[in-house]
Protein backbone atom coordinates (compact mmCIF):
# COMPACT_ATOMS: atom_id res chain seq x y z
CA MET A 1 131.04 58.54 149.41
CA LYS A 2 128.59 57.30 146.89
CA ASN A 3 129.50 53.96 148.53
CA PHE A 4 129.68 55.48 152.33
CA LEU A 5 126.23 56.92 152.09
CA GLU A 6 124.82 53.33 151.00
CA THR A 7 126.73 51.34 153.44
CA HIS A 8 126.40 53.20 156.29
CA PHE A 9 122.96 54.16 156.78
CA THR A 10 122.89 54.15 160.82
CA LEU A 11 126.26 55.90 161.18
CA ILE A 12 124.83 58.85 158.85
CA MET A 13 121.83 59.37 160.48
CA CYS A 14 123.71 59.60 163.84
CA ILE A 15 126.09 62.41 162.20
CA ALA A 16 123.21 64.15 161.23
CA LEU A 17 121.23 64.05 164.70
CA ALA A 18 124.98 65.09 166.59
CA LEU A 19 125.30 67.93 163.13
CA GLY A 20 121.47 69.07 164.27
CA LEU A 21 122.65 70.12 167.83
CA VAL A 22 125.65 72.70 166.66
CA VAL A 23 125.06 73.72 162.71
CA PRO A 24 124.54 77.46 163.09
CA GLY A 25 121.62 78.70 161.44
CA ALA A 26 119.74 75.14 160.78
CA ASP A 27 116.97 76.17 162.66
CA HIS A 28 115.91 78.98 160.32
CA VAL A 29 115.77 77.21 157.41
CA ASP A 30 113.10 78.33 155.32
CA SER A 31 109.87 75.19 155.59
CA SER A 32 109.82 75.61 151.59
CA ILE A 33 113.10 73.77 151.08
CA VAL A 34 111.88 70.69 153.49
CA THR A 35 109.13 70.86 151.42
CA SER A 36 111.05 70.32 148.52
CA LEU A 37 113.51 67.83 149.80
CA LEU A 38 110.45 65.43 150.74
CA ALA A 39 109.04 66.01 146.97
CA VAL A 40 112.38 64.43 145.89
CA LEU A 41 112.49 61.75 147.83
CA ILE A 42 108.94 60.76 147.26
CA PHE A 43 109.89 61.31 143.10
CA LEU A 44 113.00 58.72 143.69
CA SER A 45 111.38 56.10 145.54
CA CYS A 46 108.90 56.21 142.74
CA PHE A 47 110.91 54.42 140.31
CA LYS A 48 111.48 51.15 142.91
CA ILE A 49 107.61 50.54 142.08
CA THR A 50 106.30 48.92 138.73
CA PRO A 51 102.68 48.14 137.94
CA ALA A 52 103.32 44.44 137.19
CA ASP A 53 104.38 44.42 140.74
CA ILE A 54 101.05 46.18 141.76
CA LYS A 55 99.01 43.69 140.02
CA ARG A 56 100.50 40.57 141.90
CA VAL A 57 98.71 41.14 145.06
CA SER A 58 95.52 40.87 146.55
CA LEU A 59 93.57 44.45 146.87
CA SER A 60 91.41 42.78 149.81
CA GLN A 61 94.16 41.79 151.45
CA GLY A 62 96.14 45.09 150.98
CA LEU A 63 92.70 47.08 151.63
CA LEU A 64 92.08 45.50 154.96
CA PHE A 65 95.56 45.76 156.30
CA TYR A 66 94.90 49.22 155.66
CA VAL A 67 92.54 49.95 157.54
CA PHE A 68 93.81 48.34 160.72
CA ARG A 69 97.44 49.67 160.25
CA PHE A 70 96.80 53.22 159.15
CA LEU A 71 93.18 53.76 160.27
CA LEU A 72 92.57 51.92 163.88
CA ILE A 73 95.49 51.75 165.51
CA PRO A 74 96.52 55.22 165.30
CA LEU A 75 93.68 56.19 166.45
CA ALA A 76 93.46 53.96 169.59
CA THR A 77 97.06 54.51 170.71
CA TYR A 78 95.76 58.26 170.23
CA GLY A 79 92.91 57.80 172.46
CA LEU A 80 95.34 55.86 175.25
CA PHE A 81 98.09 58.64 175.23
CA LEU A 82 95.56 61.33 175.43
CA VAL A 83 94.39 60.03 178.43
CA PHE A 84 97.58 58.42 180.50
CA MET A 85 100.52 60.73 178.67
CA PRO A 86 98.31 63.73 176.91
CA SER A 87 101.75 66.00 176.16
CA TYR A 88 103.01 62.98 173.75
CA ALA A 89 99.72 62.35 171.99
CA VAL A 90 99.59 64.62 168.97
CA SER A 91 103.63 62.75 168.49
CA VAL A 92 101.78 59.66 168.70
CA LEU A 93 98.98 60.00 166.37
CA LEU A 94 101.10 61.90 163.36
CA PHE A 95 103.97 59.26 164.02
CA SER A 96 101.52 55.85 163.48
CA LEU A 97 99.59 57.70 160.35
CA MET A 98 103.07 57.88 158.78
CA PRO A 99 102.41 55.28 155.47
CA THR A 100 104.85 52.72 154.86
CA GLY A 101 108.31 53.63 153.75
CA THR A 102 109.86 53.24 150.21
CA ALA A 103 112.47 50.86 152.00
CA ALA A 104 110.02 48.78 153.17
CA PRO A 105 110.25 46.35 149.50
CA ALA A 106 113.96 46.51 149.92
CA VAL A 107 114.00 45.40 153.57
CA THR A 108 111.32 42.66 152.21
CA ASN A 109 113.58 41.67 149.56
CA LEU A 110 116.36 41.36 152.48
CA ILE A 111 114.36 38.94 154.33
CA ASN A 112 112.87 37.19 151.21
CA GLY A 113 109.18 38.55 151.64
CA ASN A 114 106.77 39.08 148.75
CA ILE A 115 108.06 42.26 147.38
CA ALA A 116 104.68 43.03 145.52
CA LEU A 117 102.54 42.98 148.36
CA ALA A 118 105.29 45.50 150.07
CA LEU A 119 105.26 47.48 147.09
CA PHE A 120 101.19 47.33 146.84
CA VAL A 121 100.55 48.93 150.54
CA VAL A 122 103.45 51.72 150.10
CA CYS A 123 101.76 52.87 147.63
CA LEU A 124 97.62 52.46 149.24
CA SER A 125 98.92 54.44 151.79
CA SER A 126 101.55 57.05 150.29
CA ILE A 127 98.69 57.84 148.14
CA LEU A 128 95.91 58.06 151.56
CA ALA A 129 97.94 59.96 153.28
CA PRO A 130 97.05 63.23 151.81
CA LEU A 131 93.46 62.66 153.01
CA ALA A 132 93.78 60.21 156.37
CA VAL A 133 96.56 62.91 158.21
CA PRO A 134 94.47 66.04 157.86
CA GLY A 135 91.53 63.72 158.55
CA ALA A 136 92.53 61.86 161.54
CA PHE A 137 93.42 65.40 162.85
CA ILE A 138 90.58 67.36 161.85
CA LEU A 139 87.87 64.61 163.17
CA PHE A 140 90.05 63.74 166.66
CA GLY A 141 92.22 67.29 167.64
CA ASN A 142 91.68 68.96 170.45
CA ASP A 143 91.05 73.18 170.99
CA SER A 144 94.80 72.88 171.95
CA LEU A 145 95.73 71.64 169.10
CA SER A 146 97.17 74.57 166.59
CA ILE A 147 97.36 72.77 162.79
CA ASP A 148 95.37 73.39 160.02
CA PRO A 149 94.70 70.50 158.27
CA THR A 150 93.87 72.36 154.81
CA SER A 151 97.76 73.55 154.98
CA LEU A 152 98.70 69.96 156.48
CA PHE A 153 96.78 68.67 152.85
CA HIS A 154 98.39 70.59 150.87
CA THR A 155 101.80 70.29 151.87
CA LEU A 156 101.09 66.16 151.62
CA ALA A 157 99.60 66.97 148.36
CA VAL A 158 102.35 68.96 147.55
CA VAL A 159 104.96 66.26 148.14
CA ILE A 160 103.35 62.46 147.41
CA PHE A 161 101.00 63.85 144.69
CA ALA A 162 103.29 66.27 142.57
CA PRO A 163 106.37 63.41 142.15
CA ILE A 164 104.02 60.68 141.38
CA ALA A 165 102.34 63.31 138.55
CA ALA A 166 106.30 64.17 137.28
CA TYR A 167 107.55 60.41 137.59
CA LEU A 168 104.38 59.56 135.68
CA VAL A 169 105.48 62.18 132.81
CA LEU A 170 109.58 61.38 132.83
CA LYS A 171 109.68 57.68 133.15
CA LYS A 172 110.32 56.93 129.67
CA SER A 173 113.38 59.02 130.13
CA SER A 174 116.19 56.07 129.66
CA TRP A 175 118.68 58.71 130.71
CA LEU A 176 116.97 59.56 133.92
CA ASN A 177 116.22 55.75 134.85
CA ARG A 178 119.67 55.09 134.61
CA GLN A 179 120.61 57.90 136.62
CA VAL A 180 118.40 57.50 139.11
CA GLU A 181 119.49 53.76 139.47
CA HIS A 182 122.76 54.54 139.87
CA TYR A 183 122.22 57.15 142.63
CA ASN A 184 118.64 56.21 144.58
CA GLN A 185 120.10 55.33 147.59
CA SER A 186 123.09 57.31 148.34
CA ALA A 187 120.83 60.10 146.84
CA SER A 188 117.89 59.45 149.37
CA THR A 189 120.54 58.88 152.70
CA LEU A 190 121.42 61.98 152.04
CA ILE A 191 118.63 63.89 151.53
CA VAL A 192 116.74 61.86 154.92
CA ALA A 193 120.49 62.80 156.69
CA VAL A 194 119.36 66.30 155.77
CA ILE A 195 115.97 66.36 157.02
CA ILE A 196 116.92 65.25 160.32
CA LEU A 197 118.92 67.79 160.71
CA LEU A 198 116.94 70.38 159.61
CA VAL A 199 114.37 68.72 162.64
CA VAL A 200 116.69 68.24 165.09
CA ALA A 201 117.89 71.43 165.07
CA SER A 202 114.62 72.94 165.31
CA SER A 203 114.35 71.51 168.41
CA ARG A 204 117.40 71.64 169.94
CA GLU A 205 116.78 74.14 172.53
CA LEU A 206 113.94 71.90 174.06
CA MET A 207 116.71 68.97 173.66
CA ILE A 208 119.69 71.09 175.86
CA ALA A 209 116.68 72.27 178.24
CA GLU A 210 115.13 68.83 178.63
CA PRO A 211 117.20 66.09 177.93
CA SER A 212 114.94 63.51 179.93
CA THR A 213 112.42 64.13 177.09
CA ILE A 214 114.62 62.29 174.72
CA MET A 215 115.31 59.20 177.10
CA SER A 216 111.09 59.13 177.72
CA SER A 217 110.35 59.36 174.04
CA LEU A 218 112.96 56.80 172.91
CA LEU A 219 110.51 54.75 175.38
CA ILE A 220 107.27 55.56 174.03
CA LEU A 221 109.12 55.10 170.59
CA PHE A 222 110.60 51.74 170.65
CA ALA A 223 106.83 50.48 173.11
CA LEU A 224 105.11 52.31 169.24
CA PHE A 225 107.83 49.92 167.20
CA SER A 226 107.45 46.81 168.86
CA LEU A 227 103.23 47.09 168.26
CA PHE A 228 103.43 47.65 165.26
CA TYR A 229 105.87 44.69 163.60
CA LEU A 230 103.93 42.46 166.38
CA PHE A 231 100.67 43.61 164.37
CA GLY A 232 102.09 43.18 161.11
CA TRP A 233 103.57 39.91 162.39
CA ASN A 234 100.30 38.08 163.51
CA PHE A 235 97.81 39.87 161.04
CA GLU A 236 97.64 36.98 159.04
CA ARG A 237 98.47 34.20 162.25
CA ASN A 238 96.85 31.37 160.34
CA ASN A 239 99.66 31.69 157.66
CA ILE A 240 102.08 28.97 157.74
CA GLN A 241 103.76 31.57 155.21
CA ILE A 242 107.01 32.93 157.06
CA ARG A 243 107.56 35.14 153.76
CA GLU A 244 103.90 36.24 154.07
CA ARG A 245 103.84 37.42 157.67
CA ALA A 246 107.63 38.91 157.36
CA THR A 247 106.60 40.59 154.74
CA MET A 248 103.49 42.36 156.85
CA ALA A 249 105.76 43.39 159.33
CA ALA A 250 108.31 45.12 157.30
CA CYS A 251 104.85 47.06 155.98
CA SER A 252 103.78 47.68 159.75
CA GLY A 253 107.31 48.49 161.22
CA VAL A 254 109.40 50.55 158.43
CA ASN A 255 107.39 53.58 158.56
CA ASN A 256 108.02 56.96 156.38
CA ASN A 257 109.41 58.68 159.62
CA ALA A 258 111.26 60.94 157.02
CA LEU A 259 107.97 62.47 155.96
CA GLY A 260 106.94 62.64 159.88
CA ALA A 261 110.30 64.11 160.55
CA GLY A 262 109.20 67.14 157.37
CA LEU A 263 105.37 67.55 157.95
CA ALA A 264 106.90 68.21 162.17
CA LEU A 265 109.28 70.81 161.20
CA ILE A 266 106.99 72.36 158.97
CA HIS A 267 103.11 72.09 160.92
CA PHE A 268 104.41 71.07 164.50
CA SER A 269 105.72 72.05 167.75
CA PRO A 270 109.25 71.37 168.27
CA GLU A 271 108.23 68.67 170.56
CA VAL A 272 106.73 66.65 167.86
CA ALA A 273 109.28 67.46 165.74
CA LEU A 274 111.72 65.82 167.98
CA PHE A 275 110.14 62.95 168.43
CA MET A 276 110.02 62.74 165.18
CA ALA A 277 113.88 62.83 164.12
CA LEU A 278 114.26 60.43 166.97
CA SER A 279 111.90 57.64 165.22
CA GLU A 280 115.49 57.53 163.01
CA VAL A 281 116.79 55.50 166.17
CA PRO A 282 114.72 52.90 167.07
CA TRP A 283 113.78 52.56 163.04
CA VAL A 284 117.30 51.31 161.96
CA ILE A 285 117.42 49.33 164.77
CA GLY A 286 113.21 47.35 164.09
CA ILE A 287 114.78 46.64 160.45
CA SER A 288 118.06 45.03 161.79
CA LEU A 289 116.24 42.87 164.17
CA LEU A 290 113.66 42.00 161.49
CA LYS A 291 116.73 40.76 159.15
CA LYS A 292 118.42 38.87 162.00
CA ASN A 293 115.61 37.43 162.85
CA VAL A 294 113.85 36.27 159.89
CA THR A 295 116.79 35.42 157.37
């Protein structure tokens, strides 16, 4: 089972999407379960990050990338969709604000990129997410958006700060380190699959009633992922090192959509939750294309 979970990520996500449509009662699961799953996911990811890696990166480079990718681009895309496709504006804003995923360093390793830089962006974007995400909805939300930013901040603080604090307390346990190292990838895959199943279950009535929503959402998601990867690749366009450019592309495109799916399930409408669940499809395809074209 462990080997299967580690080597069939795409298949497992497809199974989770399918099960979300048929598993009875999955659409009534308490939101605290999703919060707990997200917290465990962040806790496991902490074991991939070391202080030595973070010290080897440029702080100014990481901060500048963060401002453009996780503040300016989300707000610009939100504004465009608010004008031309307002029904998708909230989904696009939430999706674009999601921090770099903990898979980014692993993807960076596969493409021989700068792992230390990827780790720094993961830490920076994740730590600032509890402030950036609610803040964006406070500043740019509209009257039709019934989201409580304080509650959103509380959820993000629980699923990000609490696991980091737990990691700092428990990181010296050699037994725990061995267990996490052995089961980290398989456990993370299983947790993401369960979150996707629950998110799809919460939106299945919408999927059945309006199947065209799936196609339009996927088209938008593919366009957004293309934008993110292109931005990352061209962020340092004068840098002739493919290694650095590929790293920024991974940091920009490999976002934490599992976190977004969980937040959408807890705080947003079924339409937003469905959008976030469908993001798994271009997410996997984007990683595969990046690896194929860089290595």
